[in-house]
Protein backbone atom coordinates (compact mmCIF):
# COMPACT_ATOMS: atom_id res chain seq x y z
CA UNK A 1 -73.26 118.15 208.81
CA UNK A 2 -72.18 114.60 209.49
CA UNK A 3 -68.58 115.86 210.16
CA UNK A 4 -69.95 117.75 213.54
CA UNK A 5 -72.11 113.51 214.47
CA UNK A 6 -69.42 111.80 213.72
CA UNK A 7 -67.48 114.54 216.04
CA UNK A 8 -69.38 114.48 219.13
CA UNK A 9 -71.15 118.66 217.95
CA UNK A 10 -75.06 118.28 218.02
CA UNK A 11 -76.93 119.65 215.36
CA UNK A 12 -78.68 122.94 215.26
CA UNK A 13 -76.42 124.07 218.22
CA UNK A 14 -73.30 124.04 216.47
CA UNK A 15 -73.92 123.79 213.50
CA UNK A 16 -77.45 124.36 211.02
CA UNK A 17 -79.22 123.55 208.84
CA UNK A 18 -82.79 123.84 207.31
CA UNK A 19 -83.42 120.43 206.29
CA UNK A 20 -84.51 117.86 209.18
CA UNK A 21 -81.37 115.60 210.90
CA UNK A 22 -82.13 112.49 209.43
CA UNK A 23 -80.17 112.80 205.96
CA UNK A 24 -77.18 113.35 208.20
CA UNK A 25 -77.33 111.35 210.25
CA UNK A 26 -77.61 108.38 207.20
CA UNK A 27 -74.32 110.15 205.57
CA UNK A 28 -72.53 109.52 209.40
CA UNK A 29 -73.83 106.07 209.72
CA UNK A 30 -72.74 106.04 206.47
CA UNK A 31 -69.20 106.74 206.86
CA UNK A 32 -68.83 105.29 210.00
CA UNK A 33 -69.01 102.29 208.02
CA UNK A 34 -67.05 103.06 205.10
CA UNK A 35 -64.73 106.19 206.11
CA UNK A 36 -64.78 109.23 206.57
CA UNK A 37 -66.02 111.04 203.67
CA UNK A 38 -66.33 108.43 201.64
CA UNK A 39 -68.92 110.15 198.93
CA UNK A 40 -68.19 107.38 196.38
CA UNK A 41 -70.03 105.23 198.82
CA UNK A 42 -72.53 107.59 200.26
CA UNK A 43 -73.12 107.58 195.90
CA UNK A 44 -73.60 103.65 195.61
CA UNK A 45 -75.90 104.07 198.94
CA UNK A 46 -78.39 106.64 197.00
CA UNK A 47 -78.13 104.30 193.92
CA UNK A 48 -79.59 101.39 196.46
CA UNK A 49 -82.30 103.36 198.25
CA UNK A 50 -82.94 104.50 194.33
CA UNK A 51 -83.74 101.02 194.01
CA UNK A 52 -85.79 100.08 197.36
CA UNK A 53 -87.43 102.86 196.57
CA UNK A 54 -88.33 101.36 193.23
CA UNK A 55 -89.26 98.89 193.74
CA UNK A 56 -91.79 99.41 197.39
CA UNK A 57 -93.38 101.60 194.39
CA UNK A 58 -94.02 99.05 191.97
CA UNK A 59 -95.33 97.08 195.40
CA UNK A 60 -97.73 100.25 196.17
CA UNK A 61 -98.56 100.12 192.04
CA UNK A 62 -99.51 96.92 192.38
CA UNK A 63 -101.56 96.78 195.37
CA UNK A 64 -103.50 99.90 194.29
CA UNK A 65 -104.09 98.72 189.68
CA UNK A 66 -103.52 95.13 191.34
CA UNK A 67 -100.93 92.48 190.89
CA UNK A 68 -102.40 91.51 186.83
CA UNK A 69 -101.27 94.54 185.46
CA UNK A 70 -98.01 96.16 184.49
CA UNK A 71 -98.64 99.06 186.47
CA UNK A 72 -95.94 98.13 189.16
CA UNK A 73 -93.55 97.72 186.75
CA UNK A 74 -94.13 100.46 184.39
CA UNK A 75 -94.50 102.77 188.20
CA UNK A 76 -90.54 101.47 189.07
CA UNK A 77 -89.77 101.73 185.71
CA UNK A 78 -90.41 105.07 185.20
CA UNK A 79 -89.30 106.31 189.02
CA UNK A 80 -86.24 104.89 187.87
CA UNK A 81 -85.69 106.71 184.84
CA UNK A 82 -87.30 110.07 186.61
CA UNK A 83 -84.83 110.39 189.35
CA UNK A 84 -81.92 109.60 187.16
CA UNK A 85 -82.49 111.17 183.91
CA UNK A 86 -81.44 114.71 184.74
CA UNK A 87 -78.27 117.09 184.11
CA UNK A 88 -74.68 115.42 185.83
CA UNK A 89 -73.90 118.28 188.52
CA UNK A 90 -77.85 116.89 189.23
CA UNK A 91 -78.53 113.79 189.39
CA UNK A 92 -77.54 111.02 193.24
CA UNK A 93 -77.68 113.86 194.95
CA UNK A 94 -78.32 111.46 198.10
CA UNK A 95 -80.73 114.42 200.44
CA UNK A 96 -83.61 114.29 201.66
CA UNK A 97 -86.33 114.80 199.44
CA UNK A 98 -84.58 111.30 197.82
CA UNK A 99 -84.68 109.94 201.23
CA UNK A 100 -87.65 110.16 201.67
CA UNK A 101 -90.01 108.66 199.14
CA UNK A 102 -88.58 104.81 200.57
CA UNK A 103 -90.47 105.90 204.25
CA UNK A 104 -93.39 107.15 202.43
CA UNK A 105 -94.21 105.11 199.36
CA UNK A 106 -93.13 102.41 202.13
CA UNK A 107 -96.11 104.15 204.35
CA UNK A 108 -98.96 104.12 201.54
CA UNK A 109 -98.35 100.94 200.71
CA UNK A 110 -98.74 99.72 204.52
CA UNK A 111 -101.82 102.11 203.78
CA UNK A 112 -103.43 100.92 201.09
CA UNK A 113 -102.47 97.01 202.03
CA UNK A 114 -104.72 97.00 205.02
CA UNK A 115 -107.29 95.52 203.65
CA UNK A 116 -111.64 96.86 204.54
CA UNK A 117 -113.82 94.51 207.03
CA UNK A 118 -116.61 93.33 204.92
CA UNK A 119 -119.73 95.51 205.35
């Protein structure tokens, strides 16, 4: 899919997949920056994405449960352990589900961070 994008093709016309196009554009961006079909760069990008997702999840937990608790640290730590603790063939797939964790967690953080007006 990313190769089709880089070659000027149109998604869902020249090539079809049931996932959303976000992950394929991210793959294409990584290939532009680091070289075509550089899967090592994709995996390193995935690791960085997991770290940023864990940090955002930690901020969300601190917002919900209070920054005086250890919930933020535990949430981020458990996320990293959970996301990387399966069989080697099943981990570090930089797929749509993994890529959606960061923006969804960020959106939840924004929702909880909004201060309610006094009653």
